[in-house]
Amino acid sequence: MKAVVYDEVGGPEVLHLADVPMPEPGEGEVLVRVLAVAVDFIQLHIRHGGSGRIGSPKEPAYGLAPLPRIPGGTACVEVVEIGAGVSNVSVGERHLTGGLRPGSYVEYGVVSASGLSLGTRDAPGPTAIPSNFGPVEAAAFDYAPVAFHTLRVAAGLTAGESVLIHSAAGGTGVLAVQLAKHFGATVIGVASSDEKLDVVRSLGADHTINSLEADVIEETLRLTDGEGVNVVWDPVGGDVFEQSPRAMAEGGRLVSLGSNSFTGTGTVEFWSFWVKNLRLIGWGGRSNADAHAPEIMRELIDLAEAGRLRPVVGGRYPFGEAAEAHGAIEARRPIGKVVLTP
């Protein structure tokens, strides 16, 4: 079968198509056909030689498979074969899942059946997909549970509050904007071009800031009459993380869920936290499983099927153009999520 592989770490150009052995499902596993896979930013970090943990190429790649390597990520898949001892999954089912072996940028992969569950209409499982989504839209919806959990559960965003959303035109940011409005918040979206901000406004943002033309902190304070926002949603890290406390209101919450800046996590300066009683909330690890709880999946699927929550597909590339897809993301060109298809 065909797969996207890289034999050495480096820029997008190291990605290439290769023939690799077709995997076979073992006991408790299923063979799936990959229909579409989301290009997650963490895979860019890993491809550059980092661990994917803090977004820095200088971070040792602990726990990663040796080279050559096939990128991972969340994929919309269809079950085509059942391994021994599997009773909870049926051939033909479609799931949105990660954890594929030998990777996600493949035509076929093997995944543990224990991690697949469509659940029921009232209690959807963690790999359920909105019924009105095709494979590409489903893949682009991959981080919707993350957007929900970081805003609603981790940061505790409620109606009447304000939220500053960095990288608002990114694959997860476009979902965060829509969900924050659904929760009743005033949304300030940050992006790096007017074209991106047009989309952010179309998704419901009350205010937008061009990060290349304005001082984000000063503009946020101006928009909030000097008070600052109740919540900062930060998937960027680096300088954005360090500066964000200045834009926060008394008792504000900063939720840090990634470091897509390629500059690492940034440094915490605690004076603002002490003076304004701020809270810093790290997000990851166990929280990712909690984000797929049935009650969250039910609300997300209801919103999607009602047309009130939709992913934005920022580009659809065949596997043979994976290098172009990664290059576009590193150049910050796409709006929304980039998706690969076999």
C-alpha atoms as a PDB file:
ATOM      1  CA  MET A   1       0.000   0.000   0.000  1.00  0.00           C
ATOM      2  CA  LYS A   2       1.010   3.651  -0.310  1.00  0.00           C
ATOM      3  CA  ALA A   3       2.051   5.746   2.666  1.00  0.00           C
ATOM      4  CA  VAL A   4       3.608   9.151   3.314  1.00  0.00           C
ATOM      5  CA  VAL A   5       7.036   8.603   4.873  1.00  0.00           C
ATOM      6  CA  TYR A   6      10.065  10.614   5.936  1.00  0.00           C
ATOM      7  CA  ASP A   7      13.514   9.057   6.338  1.00  0.00           C
ATOM      8  CA  GLU A   8      15.124  12.041   8.054  1.00  0.00           C
ATOM      9  CA  VAL A   9      13.875  14.967  10.097  1.00  0.00           C
ATOM     10  CA  GLY A  10      13.630  18.342   8.412  1.00  0.00           C
ATOM     11  CA  GLY A  11      11.329  20.591   6.417  1.00  0.00           C
ATOM     12  CA  PRO A  12       8.247  19.585   4.438  1.00  0.00           C
ATOM     13  CA  GLU A  13      10.427  18.404   1.570  1.00  0.00           C
ATOM     14  CA  VAL A  14      11.433  15.265   3.495  1.00  0.00           C
ATOM     15  CA  LEU A  15       7.921  13.843   3.047  1.00  0.00           C
ATOM     16  CA  HIS A  16       7.472  11.412   0.162  1.00  0.00           C
ATOM     17  CA  LEU A  17       5.231   8.574  -0.992  1.00  0.00           C
ATOM     18  CA  ALA A  18       6.489   5.038  -0.474  1.00  0.00           C
ATOM     19  CA  ASP A  19       5.272   1.463  -0.750  1.00  0.00           C
ATOM     20  CA  VAL A  20       4.970  -0.153   2.673  1.00  0.00           C
ATOM     21  CA  PRO A  21       3.608  -3.524   3.809  1.00  0.00           C
ATOM     22  CA  MET A  22      -0.124  -3.828   4.368  1.00  0.00           C
ATOM     23  CA  PRO A  23      -0.728  -4.281   8.114  1.00  0.00           C
ATOM     24  CA  GLU A  24      -2.759  -7.198   9.452  1.00  0.00           C
ATOM     25  CA  PRO A  25      -5.062  -6.939  12.454  1.00  0.00           C
ATOM     26  CA  GLY A  26      -4.065  -8.966  15.473  1.00  0.00           C
ATOM     27  CA  GLU A  27      -6.252 -10.066  18.346  1.00  0.00           C
ATOM     28  CA  GLY A  28      -8.403  -7.196  19.558  1.00  0.00           C
ATOM     29  CA  GLU A  29      -7.590  -5.094  16.494  1.00  0.00           C
ATOM     30  CA  VAL A  30      -9.333  -4.061  13.284  1.00  0.00           C
ATOM     31  CA  LEU A  31      -8.074  -3.153   9.836  1.00  0.00           C
ATOM     32  CA  VAL A  32      -9.368   0.208   8.612  1.00  0.00           C
ATOM     33  CA  ARG A  33      -9.270   2.067   5.328  1.00  0.00           C
ATOM     34  CA  VAL A  34      -8.202   5.670   5.734  1.00  0.00           C
ATOM     35  CA  LEU A  35     -10.663   8.037   4.046  1.00  0.00           C
ATOM     36  CA  ALA A  36      -9.199  11.364   5.187  1.00  0.00           C
ATOM     37  CA  VAL A  37      -6.666  12.485   7.783  1.00  0.00           C
ATOM     38  CA  ALA A  38      -6.267  15.845   9.505  1.00  0.00           C
ATOM     39  CA  VAL A  39      -2.844  17.476   9.423  1.00  0.00           C
ATOM     40  CA  ASP A  40      -2.247  18.278  13.080  1.00  0.00           C
ATOM     41  CA  PHE A  41       0.389  20.858  13.959  1.00  0.00           C
ATOM     42  CA  ILE A  42       2.113  18.479  16.352  1.00  0.00           C
ATOM     43  CA  GLN A  43       3.191  16.369  13.372  1.00  0.00           C
ATOM     44  CA  LEU A  44       5.085  19.356  11.964  1.00  0.00           C
ATOM     45  CA  HIS A  45       6.968  19.676  15.253  1.00  0.00           C
ATOM     46  CA  ILE A  46       7.839  15.988  15.233  1.00  0.00           C
ATOM     47  CA  ARG A  47       8.897  16.045  11.578  1.00  0.00           C
ATOM     48  CA  HIS A  48      11.292  18.899  12.374  1.00  0.00           C
ATOM     49  CA  GLY A  49      12.929  16.740  15.039  1.00  0.00           C
ATOM     50  CA  GLY A  50      11.103  17.817  18.178  1.00  0.00           C
ATOM     51  CA  SER A  51       9.113  15.645  20.550  1.00  0.00           C
ATOM     52  CA  GLY A  52       5.810  17.278  19.683  1.00  0.00           C
ATOM     53  CA  ARG A  53       5.357  17.980  23.378  1.00  0.00           C
ATOM     54  CA  ILE A  54       6.355  21.628  23.628  1.00  0.00           C
ATOM     55  CA  GLY A  55       6.565  22.684  20.004  1.00  0.00           C
ATOM     56  CA  SER A  56      10.302  23.171  19.918  1.00  0.00           C
ATOM     57  CA  PRO A  57      12.646  21.380  17.490  1.00  0.00           C
ATOM     58  CA  LYS A  58      15.230  21.417  20.299  1.00  0.00           C
ATOM     59  CA  GLU A  59      13.159  19.113  22.484  1.00  0.00           C
ATOM     60  CA  PRO A  60      14.427  15.490  22.366  1.00  0.00           C
ATOM     61  CA  ALA A  61      12.061  13.130  20.577  1.00  0.00           C
ATOM     62  CA  TYR A  62      11.363  10.835  23.522  1.00  0.00           C
ATOM     63  CA  GLY A  63       9.037   7.916  22.896  1.00  0.00           C
ATOM     64  CA  LEU A  64       8.783   8.346  19.129  1.00  0.00           C
ATOM     65  CA  ALA A  65       9.227   5.565  16.611  1.00  0.00           C
ATOM     66  CA  PRO A  66      12.647   5.433  14.941  1.00  0.00           C
ATOM     67  CA  LEU A  67      13.124   6.734  11.432  1.00  0.00           C
ATOM     68  CA  PRO A  68      11.812   6.156   8.798  1.00  0.00           C
ATOM     69  CA  ARG A  69       8.525   7.394  10.204  1.00  0.00           C
ATOM     70  CA  ILE A  70       4.917   7.777   9.019  1.00  0.00           C
ATOM     71  CA  PRO A  71       3.114  10.806  10.509  1.00  0.00           C
ATOM     72  CA  GLY A  72       0.182  10.234  12.826  1.00  0.00           C
ATOM     73  CA  GLY A  73      -2.960  12.239  13.422  1.00  0.00           C
ATOM     74  CA  THR A  74      -6.720  11.896  13.584  1.00  0.00           C
ATOM     75  CA  ALA A  75      -8.292  10.125  10.619  1.00  0.00           C
ATOM     76  CA  CYS A  76     -11.763   9.351   9.348  1.00  0.00           C
ATOM     77  CA  VAL A  77     -11.605   5.609   8.750  1.00  0.00           C
ATOM     78  CA  GLU A  78     -13.846   2.770   7.612  1.00  0.00           C
ATOM     79  CA  VAL A  79     -13.586  -0.674   9.186  1.00  0.00           C
ATOM     80  CA  VAL A  80     -12.796  -3.315   6.539  1.00  0.00           C
ATOM     81  CA  GLU A  81     -11.656  -6.345   8.558  1.00  0.00           C
ATOM     82  CA  ILE A  82     -12.161  -7.604  12.107  1.00  0.00           C
ATOM     83  CA  GLY A  83      -9.416  -9.301  14.113  1.00  0.00           C
ATOM     84  CA  ALA A  84      -9.880 -12.177  16.538  1.00  0.00           C
ATOM     85  CA  GLY A  85     -11.792 -11.464  19.712  1.00  0.00           C
ATOM     86  CA  VAL A  86     -13.456  -8.266  18.469  1.00  0.00           C
ATOM     87  CA  SER A  87     -17.195  -7.962  19.056  1.00  0.00           C
ATOM     88  CA  ASN A  88     -17.823  -4.244  19.554  1.00  0.00           C
ATOM     89  CA  VAL A  89     -17.069  -3.100  15.990  1.00  0.00           C
ATOM     90  CA  SER A  90     -18.622  -4.010  12.640  1.00  0.00           C
ATOM     91  CA  VAL A  91     -17.277  -3.918   9.101  1.00  0.00           C
ATOM     92  CA  GLY A  92     -18.440  -0.759   7.316  1.00  0.00           C
ATOM     93  CA  GLU A  93     -18.534   1.471  10.385  1.00  0.00           C
ATOM     94  CA  ARG A  94     -16.889   4.877  10.094  1.00  0.00           C
ATOM     95  CA  HIS A  95     -14.954   6.343  12.994  1.00  0.00           C
ATOM     96  CA  LEU A  96     -12.905   9.448  13.712  1.00  0.00           C
ATOM     97  CA  THR A  97      -9.813   8.206  15.507  1.00  0.00           C
ATOM     98  CA  GLY A  98      -6.065   8.364  15.979  1.00  0.00           C
ATOM     99  CA  GLY A  99      -3.690   5.675  17.135  1.00  0.00           C
ATOM    100  CA  LEU A 100      -3.322   3.965  13.768  1.00  0.00           C
ATOM    101  CA  ARG A 101      -0.455   1.605  13.073  1.00  0.00           C
ATOM    102  CA  PRO A 102       1.896   2.114  11.246  1.00  0.00           C
ATOM    103  CA  GLY A 103       0.694   5.726  11.122  1.00  0.00           C
ATOM    104  CA  SER A 104      -2.169   7.834   9.804  1.00  0.00           C
ATOM    105  CA  TYR A 105      -0.833   8.933   6.418  1.00  0.00           C
ATOM    106  CA  VAL A 106      -1.556   5.466   5.009  1.00  0.00           C
ATOM    107  CA  GLU A 107      -4.124   3.789   2.789  1.00  0.00           C
ATOM    108  CA  TYR A 108      -4.827   1.138   5.429  1.00  0.00           C
ATOM    109  CA  GLY A 109      -4.047   0.966   9.114  1.00  0.00           C
ATOM    110  CA  VAL A 110      -4.606  -1.175  12.167  1.00  0.00           C
ATOM    111  CA  VAL A 111      -6.180   0.195  15.332  1.00  0.00           C
ATOM    112  CA  SER A 112      -7.210  -1.270  18.665  1.00  0.00           C
ATOM    113  CA  ALA A 113     -10.927  -2.066  18.697  1.00  0.00           C
ATOM    114  CA  SER A 114     -11.120  -1.041  22.358  1.00  0.00           C
ATOM    115  CA  GLY A 115     -10.616   2.581  21.345  1.00  0.00           C
ATOM    116  CA  LEU A 116     -13.482   2.584  18.827  1.00  0.00           C
ATOM    117  CA  SER A 117     -16.999   3.337  19.969  1.00  0.00           C
ATOM    118  CA  LEU A 118     -19.877   4.993  18.140  1.00  0.00           C
ATOM    119  CA  GLY A 119     -22.036   4.746  21.262  1.00  0.00           C
ATOM    120  CA  THR A 120     -25.716   5.594  20.944  1.00  0.00           C
ATOM    121  CA  ARG A 121     -27.678   8.577  19.734  1.00  0.00           C
ATOM    122  CA  ASP A 122     -28.116   9.828  23.311  1.00  0.00           C
ATOM    123  CA  ALA A 123     -24.590   8.929  24.423  1.00  0.00           C
ATOM    124  CA  PRO A 124     -22.199   9.063  21.456  1.00  0.00           C
ATOM    125  CA  GLY A 125     -18.871   7.322  21.797  1.00  0.00           C
ATOM    126  CA  PRO A 126     -15.509   9.107  21.508  1.00  0.00           C
ATOM    127  CA  THR A 127     -15.062   8.178  17.829  1.00  0.00           C
ATOM    128  CA  ALA A 128     -18.573   9.096  16.649  1.00  0.00           C
ATOM    129  CA  ILE A 129     -19.035  11.380  13.629  1.00  0.00           C
ATOM    130  CA  PRO A 130     -21.888  13.806  12.832  1.00  0.00           C
ATOM    131  CA  SER A 131     -24.216  12.083  10.362  1.00  0.00           C
ATOM    132  CA  ASN A 132     -24.138  15.020   7.930  1.00  0.00           C
ATOM    133  CA  PHE A 133     -20.349  15.038   7.574  1.00  0.00           C
ATOM    134  CA  GLY A 134     -18.385  13.387   4.803  1.00  0.00           C
ATOM    135  CA  PRO A 135     -14.860  12.060   5.479  1.00  0.00           C
ATOM    136  CA  VAL A 136     -13.055  15.349   4.812  1.00  0.00           C
ATOM    137  CA  GLU A 137     -15.362  17.384   7.069  1.00  0.00           C
ATOM    138  CA  ALA A 138     -15.153  14.680   9.715  1.00  0.00           C
ATOM    139  CA  ALA A 139     -11.348  14.803   9.702  1.00  0.00           C
ATOM    140  CA  ALA A 140     -11.438  18.608   9.951  1.00  0.00           C
ATOM    141  CA  PHE A 141     -13.703  18.230  13.010  1.00  0.00           C
ATOM    142  CA  ASP A 142     -10.969  16.325  14.855  1.00  0.00           C
ATOM    143  CA  TYR A 143     -10.277  18.866  17.595  1.00  0.00           C
ATOM    144  CA  ALA A 144     -13.869  19.965  18.243  1.00  0.00           C
ATOM    145  CA  PRO A 145     -13.894  18.111  21.606  1.00  0.00           C
ATOM    146  CA  VAL A 146     -10.650  19.888  22.505  1.00  0.00           C
ATOM    147  CA  ALA A 147     -12.115  23.293  21.669  1.00  0.00           C
ATOM    148  CA  PHE A 148     -15.200  22.510  23.777  1.00  0.00           C
ATOM    149  CA  HIS A 149     -13.320  21.146  26.778  1.00  0.00           C
ATOM    150  CA  THR A 150     -10.679  23.877  26.898  1.00  0.00           C
ATOM    151  CA  LEU A 151     -13.263  26.648  26.800  1.00  0.00           C
ATOM    152  CA  ARG A 152     -16.175  25.254  28.780  1.00  0.00           C
ATOM    153  CA  VAL A 153     -14.659  22.789  31.240  1.00  0.00           C
ATOM    154  CA  ALA A 154     -11.041  23.844  31.714  1.00  0.00           C
ATOM    155  CA  ALA A 155     -11.490  27.625  31.475  1.00  0.00           C
ATOM    156  CA  GLY A 156     -15.101  27.648  32.710  1.00  0.00           C
ATOM    157  CA  LEU A 157     -16.269  30.145  30.077  1.00  0.00           C
ATOM    158  CA  THR A 158     -19.860  31.253  30.724  1.00  0.00           C
ATOM    159  CA  ALA A 159     -22.440  33.519  29.120  1.00  0.00           C
ATOM    160  CA  GLY A 160     -21.669  37.197  29.485  1.00  0.00           C
ATOM    161  CA  GLU A 161     -17.919  36.725  29.762  1.00  0.00           C
ATOM    162  CA  SER A 162     -15.293  37.726  27.210  1.00  0.00           C
ATOM    163  CA  VAL A 163     -12.638  35.536  25.581  1.00  0.00           C
ATOM    164  CA  LEU A 164      -9.533  36.308  23.544  1.00  0.00           C
ATOM    165  CA  ILE A 165      -8.943  33.514  21.002  1.00  0.00           C
ATOM    166  CA  HIS A 166      -5.453  33.379  19.525  1.00  0.00           C
ATOM    167  CA  SER A 167      -4.970  31.624  16.174  1.00  0.00           C
ATOM    168  CA  ALA A 168      -8.699  32.061  15.631  1.00  0.00           C
ATOM    169  CA  ALA A 169      -8.436  31.092  11.949  1.00  0.00           C
ATOM    170  CA  GLY A 170      -6.648  27.815  12.673  1.00  0.00           C
ATOM    171  CA  GLY A 171      -8.217  24.385  12.423  1.00  0.00           C
ATOM    172  CA  THR A 172      -9.195  24.364  16.094  1.00  0.00           C
ATOM    173  CA  GLY A 173      -9.550  28.125  16.416  1.00  0.00           C
ATOM    174  CA  VAL A 174     -12.463  28.307  13.956  1.00  0.00           C
ATOM    175  CA  LEU A 175     -14.299  25.756  16.102  1.00  0.00           C
ATOM    176  CA  ALA A 176     -13.400  27.605  19.311  1.00  0.00           C
ATOM    177  CA  VAL A 177     -14.882  30.844  17.942  1.00  0.00           C
ATOM    178  CA  GLN A 178     -18.186  29.150  17.137  1.00  0.00           C
ATOM    179  CA  LEU A 179     -18.362  27.345  20.466  1.00  0.00           C
ATOM    180  CA  ALA A 180     -17.519  30.462  22.478  1.00  0.00           C
ATOM    181  CA  LYS A 181     -20.426  32.254  20.813  1.00  0.00           C
ATOM    182  CA  HIS A 182     -22.642  29.246  21.506  1.00  0.00           C
ATOM    183  CA  PHE A 183     -21.693  29.564  25.180  1.00  0.00           C
ATOM    184  CA  GLY A 184     -22.815  33.219  25.120  1.00  0.00           C
ATOM    185  CA  ALA A 185     -19.403  34.904  25.345  1.00  0.00           C
ATOM    186  CA  THR A 186     -18.087  38.043  23.669  1.00  0.00           C
ATOM    187  CA  VAL A 187     -15.369  36.809  21.314  1.00  0.00           C
ATOM    188  CA  ILE A 188     -12.207  38.626  20.249  1.00  0.00           C
ATOM    189  CA  GLY A 189     -10.453  36.646  17.515  1.00  0.00           C
ATOM    190  CA  VAL A 190      -6.802  37.088  16.583  1.00  0.00           C
ATOM    191  CA  ALA A 191      -5.338  36.124  13.190  1.00  0.00           C
ATOM    192  CA  SER A 192      -2.557  37.261  10.869  1.00  0.00           C
ATOM    193  CA  SER A 193      -4.417  38.582   7.808  1.00  0.00           C
ATOM    194  CA  ASP A 194      -7.575  40.432   6.892  1.00  0.00           C
ATOM    195  CA  GLU A 195      -8.701  37.467   4.797  1.00  0.00           C
ATOM    196  CA  LYS A 196      -8.495  35.208   7.834  1.00  0.00           C
ATOM    197  CA  LEU A 197     -10.289  37.761   9.987  1.00  0.00           C
ATOM    198  CA  ASP A 198     -13.155  37.972   7.485  1.00  0.00           C
ATOM    199  CA  VAL A 199     -13.753  34.251   8.059  1.00  0.00           C
ATOM    200  CA  VAL A 200     -13.431  34.627  11.828  1.00  0.00           C
ATOM    201  CA  ARG A 201     -16.088  37.349  11.799  1.00  0.00           C
ATOM    202  CA  SER A 202     -18.345  35.219   9.600  1.00  0.00           C
ATOM    203  CA  LEU A 203     -18.189  32.528  12.301  1.00  0.00           C
ATOM    204  CA  GLY A 204     -19.505  34.927  14.931  1.00  0.00           C
ATOM    205  CA  ALA A 205     -16.546  36.802  16.434  1.00  0.00           C
ATOM    206  CA  ASP A 206     -17.607  40.149  17.881  1.00  0.00           C
ATOM    207  CA  HIS A 207     -14.199  41.760  17.375  1.00  0.00           C
ATOM    208  CA  THR A 208     -11.053  40.814  15.456  1.00  0.00           C
ATOM    209  CA  ILE A 209      -7.401  41.829  15.655  1.00  0.00           C
ATOM    210  CA  ASN A 210      -4.785  41.534  12.924  1.00  0.00           C
ATOM    211  CA  SER A 211      -1.704  40.367  14.841  1.00  0.00           C
ATOM    212  CA  LEU A 212       0.659  41.704  12.160  1.00  0.00           C
ATOM    213  CA  GLU A 213      -0.802  45.201  12.153  1.00  0.00           C
ATOM    214  CA  ALA A 214      -1.860  45.896  15.728  1.00  0.00           C
ATOM    215  CA  ASP A 215      -0.616  45.390  19.268  1.00  0.00           C
ATOM    216  CA  VAL A 216      -2.893  42.552  20.350  1.00  0.00           C
ATOM    217  CA  ILE A 217      -2.648  43.373  24.047  1.00  0.00           C
ATOM    218  CA  GLU A 218      -3.321  47.084  23.678  1.00  0.00           C
ATOM    219  CA  GLU A 219      -6.181  46.487  21.238  1.00  0.00           C
ATOM    220  CA  THR A 220      -7.754  43.927  23.572  1.00  0.00           C
ATOM    221  CA  LEU A 221      -7.608  46.411  26.442  1.00  0.00           C
ATOM    222  CA  ARG A 222      -9.133  49.094  24.223  1.00  0.00           C
ATOM    223  CA  LEU A 223     -11.986  46.779  23.186  1.00  0.00           C
ATOM    224  CA  THR A 224     -12.710  45.920  26.837  1.00  0.00           C
ATOM    225  CA  ASP A 225     -12.460  49.521  28.124  1.00  0.00           C
ATOM    226  CA  GLY A 226      -9.218  48.712  29.889  1.00  0.00           C
ATOM    227  CA  GLU A 227     -10.579  45.807  31.899  1.00  0.00           C
ATOM    228  CA  GLY A 228      -9.183  42.900  29.890  1.00  0.00           C
ATOM    229  CA  VAL A 229     -10.840  39.587  29.027  1.00  0.00           C
ATOM    230  CA  ASN A 230     -12.080  36.875  31.363  1.00  0.00           C
ATOM    231  CA  VAL A 231     -10.477  34.050  29.374  1.00  0.00           C
ATOM    232  CA  VAL A 232      -7.477  33.791  27.065  1.00  0.00           C
ATOM    233  CA  TRP A 233      -7.403  30.723  24.789  1.00  0.00           C
ATOM    234  CA  ASP A 234      -3.803  30.107  23.740  1.00  0.00           C
ATOM    235  CA  PRO A 235      -2.646  27.343  21.376  1.00  0.00           C
ATOM    236  CA  VAL A 236       0.376  29.385  20.296  1.00  0.00           C
ATOM    237  CA  GLY A 237       2.770  29.637  23.242  1.00  0.00           C
ATOM    238  CA  GLY A 238       6.025  31.572  23.120  1.00  0.00           C
ATOM    239  CA  ASP A 239       5.631  35.352  23.178  1.00  0.00           C
ATOM    240  CA  VAL A 240       1.842  35.096  22.960  1.00  0.00           C
ATOM    241  CA  PHE A 241       1.783  33.073  26.169  1.00  0.00           C
ATOM    242  CA  GLU A 242       4.116  35.486  27.943  1.00  0.00           C
ATOM    243  CA  GLN A 243       2.178  38.614  26.967  1.00  0.00           C
ATOM    244  CA  SER A 244      -1.383  37.340  27.415  1.00  0.00           C
ATOM    245  CA  PRO A 245      -1.702  37.993  31.181  1.00  0.00           C
ATOM    246  CA  ARG A 246      -1.496  41.716  30.456  1.00  0.00           C
ATOM    247  CA  ALA A 247      -4.773  41.452  28.520  1.00  0.00           C
ATOM    248  CA  MET A 248      -6.657  39.640  31.291  1.00  0.00           C
ATOM    249  CA  ALA A 249      -9.250  40.938  33.713  1.00  0.00           C
ATOM    250  CA  GLU A 250      -9.263  40.446  37.467  1.00  0.00           C
ATOM    251  CA  GLY A 251      -9.780  36.739  38.167  1.00  0.00           C
ATOM    252  CA  GLY A 252      -9.128  35.850  34.524  1.00  0.00           C
ATOM    253  CA  ARG A 253      -8.159  32.397  33.274  1.00  0.00           C
ATOM    254  CA  LEU A 254      -5.434  31.590  30.751  1.00  0.00           C
ATOM    255  CA  VAL A 255      -5.757  28.137  29.209  1.00  0.00           C
ATOM    256  CA  SER A 256      -2.599  26.962  27.447  1.00  0.00           C
ATOM    257  CA  LEU A 257      -3.222  24.057  25.067  1.00  0.00           C
ATOM    258  CA  GLY A 258      -0.225  24.024  22.777  1.00  0.00           C
ATOM    259  CA  SER A 259       2.803  25.769  21.376  1.00  0.00           C
ATOM    260  CA  ASN A 260       2.371  26.188  17.650  1.00  0.00           C
ATOM    261  CA  SER A 261       4.901  29.008  17.539  1.00  0.00           C
ATOM    262  CA  PHE A 262       7.997  26.780  17.162  1.00  0.00           C
ATOM    263  CA  THR A 263       9.524  28.854  19.987  1.00  0.00           C
ATOM    264  CA  GLY A 264       8.607  26.639  22.917  1.00  0.00           C
ATOM    265  CA  THR A 265       6.234  27.304  25.752  1.00  0.00           C
ATOM    266  CA  GLY A 266       7.376  30.698  26.962  1.00  0.00           C
ATOM    267  CA  THR A 267       8.159  31.771  30.519  1.00  0.00           C
ATOM    268  CA  VAL A 268       5.631  32.405  33.270  1.00  0.00           C
ATOM    269  CA  GLU A 269       5.998  35.795  34.926  1.00  0.00           C
ATOM    270  CA  PHE A 270       3.936  35.526  38.086  1.00  0.00           C
ATOM    271  CA  TRP A 271       3.506  39.172  39.023  1.00  0.00           C
ATOM    272  CA  SER A 272       0.347  39.571  36.910  1.00  0.00           C
ATOM    273  CA  PHE A 273      -1.071  36.365  38.365  1.00  0.00           C
ATOM    274  CA  TRP A 274      -0.550  37.589  41.911  1.00  0.00           C
ATOM    275  CA  VAL A 275      -1.777  41.140  41.359  1.00  0.00           C
ATOM    276  CA  LYS A 276      -4.915  40.221  39.365  1.00  0.00           C
ATOM    277  CA  ASN A 277      -5.648  36.798  40.906  1.00  0.00           C
ATOM    278  CA  LEU A 278      -5.253  35.099  37.551  1.00  0.00           C
ATOM    279  CA  ARG A 279      -5.342  31.364  36.912  1.00  0.00           C
ATOM    280  CA  LEU A 280      -3.070  29.449  34.552  1.00  0.00           C
ATOM    281  CA  ILE A 281      -4.610  26.240  33.225  1.00  0.00           C
ATOM    282  CA  GLY A 282      -2.535  23.697  31.373  1.00  0.00           C
ATOM    283  CA  TRP A 283      -4.433  21.386  29.042  1.00  0.00           C
ATOM    284  CA  GLY A 284      -3.396  17.987  27.726  1.00  0.00           C
ATOM    285  CA  GLY A 285      -2.864  14.378  28.749  1.00  0.00           C
ATOM    286  CA  ARG A 286      -5.907  12.928  30.520  1.00  0.00           C
ATOM    287  CA  SER A 287      -7.950  15.974  29.529  1.00  0.00           C
ATOM    288  CA  ASN A 288      -8.033  14.758  25.932  1.00  0.00           C
ATOM    289  CA  ALA A 289      -9.947  11.651  26.992  1.00  0.00           C
ATOM    290  CA  ASP A 290     -12.240  13.725  29.207  1.00  0.00           C
ATOM    291  CA  ALA A 291     -13.005  15.951  26.204  1.00  0.00           C
ATOM    292  CA  HIS A 292     -14.653  12.986  24.469  1.00  0.00           C
ATOM    293  CA  ALA A 293     -17.159  12.325  27.262  1.00  0.00           C
ATOM    294  CA  PRO A 294     -20.647  11.348  25.998  1.00  0.00           C
ATOM    295  CA  GLU A 295     -22.284  14.594  27.118  1.00  0.00           C
ATOM    296  CA  ILE A 296     -19.715  16.667  25.219  1.00  0.00           C
ATOM    297  CA  MET A 297     -19.907  14.495  22.114  1.00  0.00           C
ATOM    298  CA  ARG A 298     -23.706  14.722  22.203  1.00  0.00           C
ATOM    299  CA  GLU A 299     -23.676  18.521  22.273  1.00  0.00           C
ATOM    300  CA  LEU A 300     -21.042  18.744  19.536  1.00  0.00           C
ATOM    301  CA  ILE A 301     -22.901  16.347  17.249  1.00  0.00           C
ATOM    302  CA  ASP A 302     -26.223  18.098  17.879  1.00  0.00           C
ATOM    303  CA  LEU A 303     -24.678  21.453  16.979  1.00  0.00           C
ATOM    304  CA  ALA A 304     -23.001  20.044  13.870  1.00  0.00           C
ATOM    305  CA  GLU A 305     -26.120  18.295  12.612  1.00  0.00           C
ATOM    306  CA  ALA A 306     -28.145  21.469  13.197  1.00  0.00           C
ATOM    307  CA  GLY A 307     -25.675  23.449  11.084  1.00  0.00           C
ATOM    308  CA  ARG A 308     -24.554  25.573  14.044  1.00  0.00           C
ATOM    309  CA  LEU A 309     -21.009  24.223  14.267  1.00  0.00           C
ATOM    310  CA  ARG A 310     -18.931  23.461  11.224  1.00  0.00           C
ATOM    311  CA  PRO A 311     -15.273  22.867  10.489  1.00  0.00           C
ATOM    312  CA  VAL A 312     -13.489  24.993   7.935  1.00  0.00           C
ATOM    313  CA  VAL A 313     -11.444  22.964   5.458  1.00  0.00           C
ATOM    314  CA  GLY A 314      -8.425  25.076   4.619  1.00  0.00           C
ATOM    315  CA  GLY A 315      -7.077  22.762   1.968  1.00  0.00           C
ATOM    316  CA  ARG A 316      -7.528  19.244   0.645  1.00  0.00           C
ATOM    317  CA  TYR A 317      -4.415  17.514  -0.658  1.00  0.00           C
ATOM    318  CA  PRO A 318      -3.762  13.986  -1.939  1.00  0.00           C
ATOM    319  CA  PHE A 319      -1.107  11.971  -0.119  1.00  0.00           C
ATOM    320  CA  GLY A 320       1.296  12.640  -2.974  1.00  0.00           C
ATOM    321  CA  GLU A 321       1.172  16.357  -2.101  1.00  0.00           C
ATOM    322  CA  ALA A 322       1.722  15.978   1.640  1.00  0.00           C
ATOM    323  CA  ALA A 323       4.886  18.084   1.444  1.00  0.00           C
ATOM    324  CA  GLU A 324       2.888  20.935  -0.129  1.00  0.00           C
ATOM    325  CA  ALA A 325       0.245  20.598   2.593  1.00  0.00           C
ATOM    326  CA  HIS A 326       2.823  20.807   5.396  1.00  0.00           C
ATOM    327  CA  GLY A 327       4.557  23.687   3.649  1.00  0.00           C
ATOM    328  CA  ALA A 328       1.324  25.655   3.397  1.00  0.00           C
ATOM    329  CA  ILE A 329       0.690  25.245   7.119  1.00  0.00           C
ATOM    330  CA  GLU A 330       4.215  26.312   8.061  1.00  0.00           C
ATOM    331  CA  ALA A 331       3.744  29.410   5.887  1.00  0.00           C
ATOM    332  CA  ARG A 332       0.481  30.092   7.797  1.00  0.00           C
ATOM    333  CA  ARG A 333      -1.510  30.278   4.564  1.00  0.00           C
ATOM    334  CA  PRO A 334      -4.562  28.028   5.193  1.00  0.00           C
ATOM    335  CA  ILE A 335      -7.711  29.098   6.967  1.00  0.00           C
ATOM    336  CA  GLY A 336      -9.055  26.200   9.020  1.00  0.00           C
ATOM    337  CA  LYS A 337      -7.875  22.605   8.918  1.00  0.00           C
ATOM    338  CA  VAL A 338      -5.774  21.044   6.162  1.00  0.00           C
ATOM    339  CA  VAL A 339      -6.835  17.492   5.253  1.00  0.00           C
ATOM    340  CA  LEU A 340      -5.043  14.732   3.325  1.00  0.00           C
ATOM    341  CA  THR A 341      -6.790  12.028   1.319  1.00  0.00           C
ATOM    342  CA  PRO A 342      -5.337   8.822  -0.169  1.00  0.00           C
END
